[in-house]
Amino acid sequence: MSRHLLLLSCRRTLQACSKRQLAASSVRMFASDSPGLPDSIKRVGEAMAVPNEYPGQNYAFNWSLNADGVTPLKKSAFRITKPLDLKVAGLEQPKTNPLKVKAAAASKMPEAGSDNLSFDTFDEVSQRTKDLLSLSDHLYCPEGHVPGTHTGVRVITNSATLSPQLLAYLDRAPRKDPPVNQPITAYILEGTEEEFAGYAIEEVEFPTDETMTVMDAKSVAAVVVVGKKPDIKLIVAGLEICQSGLAADEAERAAKKAEEEPKDE
């Protein structure tokens, strides 16, 4: 009888120990989650990984390029806003920074719709250039402001030579994420037998509120330069002409709006 009581007592003791161990394990915490630790050794934020992204393959930037009419089919498109981005893209640093460039004569950069360049011709060459850029092994996309202004520019090119020069020419602009499309987009295709240069400015409407019912107007511009070795002076001529055109359009819209507003008597 005493032996039976002894066995029962042992079982109860083991059960009590098991419950204490289970209770202890249920409140166990990682050291970094313990209360009272300084923020410097705690985890801040959650780890996040986007599958299949790597330098030259960024989904948000690719969508932005798609809006510009270029799709990086070889999955190698580099957004370049600062010298470090050149290194990431495997490009050399510019020898001079900032780079001053004397623009080519305006006569060498005709406007679409003028006597020297029809809209049809510009549209045809522009679309062909976008298609060929989409097929390029690598795309380099310097971004910045036209020097001395706050007019944004995005260059889309396959030229590893021109990209560092264009970055050095442009004024550095704040980097925005996710990427936004710029008022001026330049499509520069290197390595073709065709030689072409031209630009177009058009007015587009965009919504100003979440209801998508109130629309406003703005002007955007495109520069297209194609050739075996495109001249940076010709590219700069297109950028500067477009900047002047966009500023003139904006001033005209502002003056028209002021005339339409009721005046206090």
Protein backbone atom coordinates (compact mmCIF):
# COMPACT_ATOMS: atom_id res chain seq x y z
CA MET A 1 0.00 0.00 0.00
CA SER A 2 2.83 2.39 0.90
CA ARG A 3 4.50 1.48 -2.41
CA HIS A 4 1.34 2.48 -4.32
CA LEU A 5 1.20 5.82 -2.53
CA LEU A 6 4.87 6.41 -3.30
CA LEU A 7 4.34 5.80 -7.05
CA LEU A 8 1.30 8.12 -7.08
CA SER A 9 3.29 10.84 -5.35
CA CYS A 10 6.11 10.52 -7.93
CA ARG A 11 3.65 10.82 -10.82
CA ARG A 12 2.12 13.98 -9.31
CA THR A 13 5.58 15.45 -8.82
CA LEU A 14 6.53 14.77 -12.47
CA GLN A 15 3.26 16.27 -13.69
CA ALA A 16 3.87 19.41 -11.63
CA CYS A 17 7.39 19.76 -13.05
CA SER A 18 6.08 19.35 -16.62
CA LYS A 19 3.48 22.09 -16.08
CA ARG A 20 6.13 24.45 -14.69
CA GLN A 21 8.40 23.80 -17.72
CA LEU A 22 5.51 24.34 -20.14
CA ALA A 23 4.57 27.61 -18.45
CA ALA A 24 8.18 28.76 -18.58
CA SER A 25 8.51 27.92 -22.28
CA SER A 26 5.27 29.73 -23.18
CA VAL A 27 6.63 33.13 -22.06
CA ARG A 28 10.14 32.74 -23.47
CA MET A 29 11.23 35.74 -25.59
CA PHE A 30 14.10 36.51 -27.91
CA ALA A 31 16.67 38.80 -26.35
CA SER A 32 16.00 41.54 -28.91
CA ASP A 33 12.29 41.51 -28.01
CA SER A 34 12.79 41.84 -24.29
CA PRO A 35 11.37 44.96 -22.68
CA GLY A 36 13.74 47.66 -21.52
CA LEU A 37 16.37 47.19 -24.22
CA PRO A 38 17.71 50.30 -25.98
CA ASP A 39 16.41 50.93 -29.51
CA SER A 40 19.93 50.62 -30.91
CA ILE A 41 19.90 46.84 -30.46
CA LYS A 42 16.26 46.21 -31.22
CA ARG A 43 14.97 45.33 -34.67
CA VAL A 44 13.55 48.36 -36.44
CA GLY A 45 11.06 47.60 -39.18
CA GLU A 46 10.46 44.29 -40.85
CA ALA A 47 12.72 42.59 -43.32
CA MET A 48 11.39 42.81 -46.85
CA ALA A 49 12.73 41.25 -50.02
CA VAL A 50 11.45 41.71 -53.55
CA PRO A 51 12.11 38.54 -55.57
CA ASN A 52 14.17 38.77 -58.75
CA GLU A 53 15.25 42.39 -58.22
CA TYR A 54 18.91 43.33 -58.59
CA PRO A 55 20.97 46.30 -59.88
CA GLY A 56 19.49 47.12 -63.25
CA GLN A 57 16.23 45.30 -62.55
CA ASN A 58 13.87 47.42 -60.47
CA TYR A 59 10.15 46.93 -60.93
CA ALA A 60 9.09 50.45 -59.97
CA PHE A 61 11.60 52.02 -62.34
CA ASN A 62 10.68 49.62 -65.13
CA TRP A 63 7.03 50.68 -64.83
CA SER A 64 8.12 54.29 -65.07
CA LEU A 65 10.10 53.51 -68.23
CA ASN A 66 7.05 51.74 -69.65
CA ALA A 67 5.11 54.97 -69.24
CA ASP A 68 7.83 56.64 -71.35
CA GLY A 69 7.31 54.03 -74.06
CA VAL A 70 10.44 51.95 -73.38
CA THR A 71 10.40 48.40 -71.98
CA PRO A 72 13.81 47.06 -70.85
CA LEU A 73 13.43 43.56 -72.32
CA LYS A 74 17.00 42.56 -71.35
CA LYS A 75 16.22 43.44 -67.71
CA SER A 76 19.13 45.83 -67.39
CA ALA A 77 18.04 49.44 -66.92
CA PHE A 78 19.95 51.72 -64.56
CA ARG A 79 18.47 54.84 -63.03
CA ILE A 80 21.33 57.30 -62.60
CA THR A 81 20.84 60.34 -60.34
CA LYS A 82 24.26 60.61 -58.70
CA PRO A 83 27.90 59.55 -59.30
CA LEU A 84 27.52 56.40 -57.18
CA ASP A 85 24.84 55.17 -59.58
CA LEU A 86 27.41 55.28 -62.38
CA LYS A 87 29.60 52.88 -60.42
CA VAL A 88 26.68 50.53 -59.83
CA ALA A 89 25.97 50.56 -63.58
CA GLY A 90 29.60 49.74 -64.34
CA LEU A 91 30.28 53.14 -65.94
CA GLU A 92 33.25 55.45 -65.59
CA GLN A 93 33.07 58.70 -63.67
CA PRO A 94 33.02 61.90 -65.76
CA LYS A 95 36.36 63.64 -66.08
CA THR A 96 34.70 67.03 -65.47
CA ASN A 97 31.85 67.67 -63.07
CA PRO A 98 29.87 69.85 -63.49
CA LEU A 99 30.21 69.77 -67.25
CA LYS A 100 29.56 72.93 -69.23
CA VAL A 101 28.31 72.22 -72.76
CA LYS A 102 27.83 74.73 -75.55
CA ALA A 103 24.63 73.75 -77.32
CA ALA A 104 24.55 73.15 -81.04
CA ALA A 105 22.75 75.61 -83.27
CA ALA A 106 18.97 75.54 -82.89
CA SER A 107 18.64 74.95 -86.64
CA LYS A 108 20.08 71.47 -86.13
CA MET A 109 17.27 70.56 -83.74
CA PRO A 110 13.97 71.02 -85.65
CA GLU A 111 10.57 70.95 -83.96
CA ALA A 112 7.94 68.44 -84.99
CA GLY A 113 5.27 70.20 -87.01
CA SER A 114 7.67 72.71 -88.52
CA ASP A 115 8.62 72.99 -92.20
CA ASN A 116 11.77 70.95 -91.53
CA LEU A 117 10.12 68.08 -89.63
CA SER A 118 6.61 66.71 -89.97
CA PHE A 119 4.69 65.16 -87.11
CA ASP A 120 4.46 61.87 -89.01
CA THR A 121 8.21 61.64 -89.48
CA PHE A 122 8.90 62.50 -85.86
CA ASP A 123 6.36 59.97 -84.59
CA GLU A 124 7.77 57.25 -86.85
CA VAL A 125 11.39 57.78 -85.82
CA SER A 126 10.42 58.25 -82.16
CA GLN A 127 8.57 54.92 -82.05
CA ARG A 128 11.39 53.11 -83.85
CA THR A 129 13.90 54.57 -81.41
CA LYS A 130 11.86 53.45 -78.41
CA ASP A 131 11.58 49.94 -79.86
CA LEU A 132 15.34 49.70 -80.44
CA LEU A 133 16.10 51.05 -76.98
CA SER A 134 13.81 48.39 -75.52
CA LEU A 135 15.96 45.74 -77.23
CA SER A 136 19.27 47.18 -76.00
CA ASP A 137 21.50 45.04 -73.79
CA HIS A 138 21.70 47.85 -71.23
CA LEU A 139 19.81 51.09 -70.67
CA TYR A 140 21.32 54.04 -68.83
CA CYS A 141 18.96 56.73 -67.57
CA PRO A 142 20.55 59.89 -66.16
CA GLU A 143 18.09 62.19 -64.39
CA GLY A 144 18.38 65.79 -63.20
CA HIS A 145 17.42 69.38 -63.91
CA VAL A 146 18.25 71.47 -66.94
CA PRO A 147 21.11 73.62 -65.55
CA GLY A 148 19.90 76.77 -63.83
CA THR A 149 16.27 75.62 -63.73
CA HIS A 150 14.00 73.21 -61.89
CA THR A 151 12.79 71.51 -65.06
CA GLY A 152 13.25 67.75 -64.72
CA VAL A 153 14.89 65.62 -67.40
CA ARG A 154 15.16 61.88 -67.92
CA VAL A 155 17.55 60.57 -70.56
CA ILE A 156 17.02 57.03 -71.84
CA THR A 157 20.04 55.80 -73.78
CA ASN A 158 22.12 52.76 -74.64
CA SER A 159 25.33 54.83 -74.65
CA ALA A 160 27.80 54.06 -71.87
CA THR A 161 29.91 57.00 -73.09
CA LEU A 162 27.26 59.72 -73.08
CA SER A 163 25.61 58.77 -69.79
CA PRO A 164 28.38 60.03 -67.44
CA GLN A 165 28.69 63.23 -69.49
CA LEU A 166 24.95 63.90 -69.38
CA LEU A 167 24.83 63.29 -65.62
CA ALA A 168 27.66 65.79 -65.18
CA TYR A 169 25.83 68.30 -67.38
CA LEU A 170 22.49 68.09 -65.56
CA ASP A 171 21.98 69.80 -62.22
CA ARG A 172 21.44 67.26 -59.49
CA ALA A 173 17.80 66.92 -58.46
CA PRO A 174 16.19 65.30 -55.39
CA ARG A 175 15.64 61.59 -55.99
CA LYS A 176 11.99 60.61 -55.72
CA ASP A 177 10.81 57.10 -54.95
CA PRO A 178 8.82 55.64 -56.51
CA PRO A 179 10.24 57.19 -59.69
CA VAL A 180 8.16 59.86 -61.43
CA ASN A 181 8.16 60.72 -65.11
CA GLN A 182 9.84 63.99 -66.03
CA PRO A 183 8.62 66.99 -68.07
CA ILE A 184 11.40 66.35 -70.61
CA THR A 185 12.31 62.87 -71.83
CA ALA A 186 15.29 62.41 -74.14
CA TYR A 187 15.63 59.24 -76.22
CA ILE A 188 19.25 58.84 -77.32
CA LEU A 189 20.13 55.84 -79.49
CA GLU A 190 23.77 55.15 -80.30
CA GLY A 191 25.22 52.81 -82.93
CA THR A 192 22.82 53.22 -85.85
CA GLU A 193 23.42 54.19 -89.46
CA GLU A 194 20.42 56.49 -89.31
CA GLU A 195 21.09 60.10 -88.27
CA PHE A 196 18.19 62.02 -86.78
CA ALA A 197 17.51 64.85 -84.36
CA GLY A 198 14.24 66.51 -83.43
CA TYR A 199 11.92 67.42 -80.59
CA ALA A 200 8.23 67.83 -79.85
CA ILE A 201 6.28 69.73 -77.20
CA GLU A 202 2.66 68.90 -76.48
CA GLU A 203 0.05 69.88 -73.94
CA VAL A 204 -1.57 67.10 -71.92
CA GLU A 205 -4.33 67.07 -69.33
CA PHE A 206 -4.03 65.39 -65.96
CA PRO A 207 -6.36 65.01 -62.94
CA THR A 208 -5.78 67.30 -59.98
CA ASP A 209 -7.82 65.38 -57.40
CA GLU A 210 -8.69 61.82 -56.41
CA THR A 211 -12.09 61.96 -58.09
CA MET A 212 -10.37 62.25 -61.50
CA THR A 213 -12.98 64.81 -62.52
CA VAL A 214 -11.03 68.07 -62.23
CA MET A 215 -8.43 68.33 -64.98
CA ASP A 216 -5.52 70.67 -65.48
CA ALA A 217 -3.09 71.15 -68.35
CA LYS A 218 0.67 70.96 -68.54
CA SER A 219 3.25 70.73 -71.30
CA VAL A 220 5.69 67.85 -71.78
CA ALA A 221 8.53 67.46 -74.25
CA ALA A 222 10.43 64.69 -76.01
CA VAL A 223 13.87 64.90 -77.60
CA VAL A 224 15.03 62.21 -80.02
CA VAL A 225 18.65 61.94 -81.18
CA VAL A 226 19.81 58.94 -83.19
CA GLY A 227 23.18 58.26 -84.78
CA LYS A 228 26.37 56.28 -84.86
CA LYS A 229 27.86 58.59 -82.23
CA PRO A 230 25.30 61.18 -81.08
CA ASP A 231 26.80 64.57 -80.27
CA ILE A 232 26.20 65.79 -76.72
CA LYS A 233 26.00 69.36 -78.05
CA LEU A 234 23.02 68.35 -80.15
CA ILE A 235 21.35 66.67 -77.18
CA VAL A 236 21.90 69.73 -74.99
CA ALA A 237 20.41 71.93 -77.72
CA GLY A 238 17.23 69.83 -77.62
CA LEU A 239 17.02 69.93 -73.82
CA GLU A 240 17.52 73.69 -73.61
CA ILE A 241 15.06 74.44 -76.41
CA CYS A 242 12.44 72.24 -74.75
CA GLN A 243 12.99 73.87 -71.36
CA SER A 244 12.42 77.30 -72.87
CA GLY A 245 9.29 76.05 -74.64
CA LEU A 246 7.85 74.52 -71.47
CA ALA A 247 8.50 77.72 -69.52
CA ALA A 248 6.80 79.81 -72.22
CA ASP A 249 3.76 77.52 -72.22
CA GLU A 250 3.49 77.71 -68.44
CA ALA A 251 3.70 81.51 -68.50
CA GLU A 252 1.00 81.66 -71.18
CA ARG A 253 -1.35 79.42 -69.19
CA ALA A 254 -0.77 81.48 -66.05
CA ALA A 255 -1.55 84.73 -67.90
CA LYS A 256 -4.70 83.23 -69.41
CA LYS A 257 -5.85 81.98 -66.02
CA ALA A 258 -5.29 85.42 -64.51
CA GLU A 259 -7.46 87.02 -67.21
CA GLU A 260 -10.28 84.54 -66.57
CA GLU A 261 -10.37 85.09 -62.83
CA PRO A 262 -12.95 87.65 -61.62
CA LYS A 263 -11.39 90.95 -60.65
CA ASP A 264 -12.27 92.77 -57.45
CA GLU A 265 -13.97 96.12 -58.10
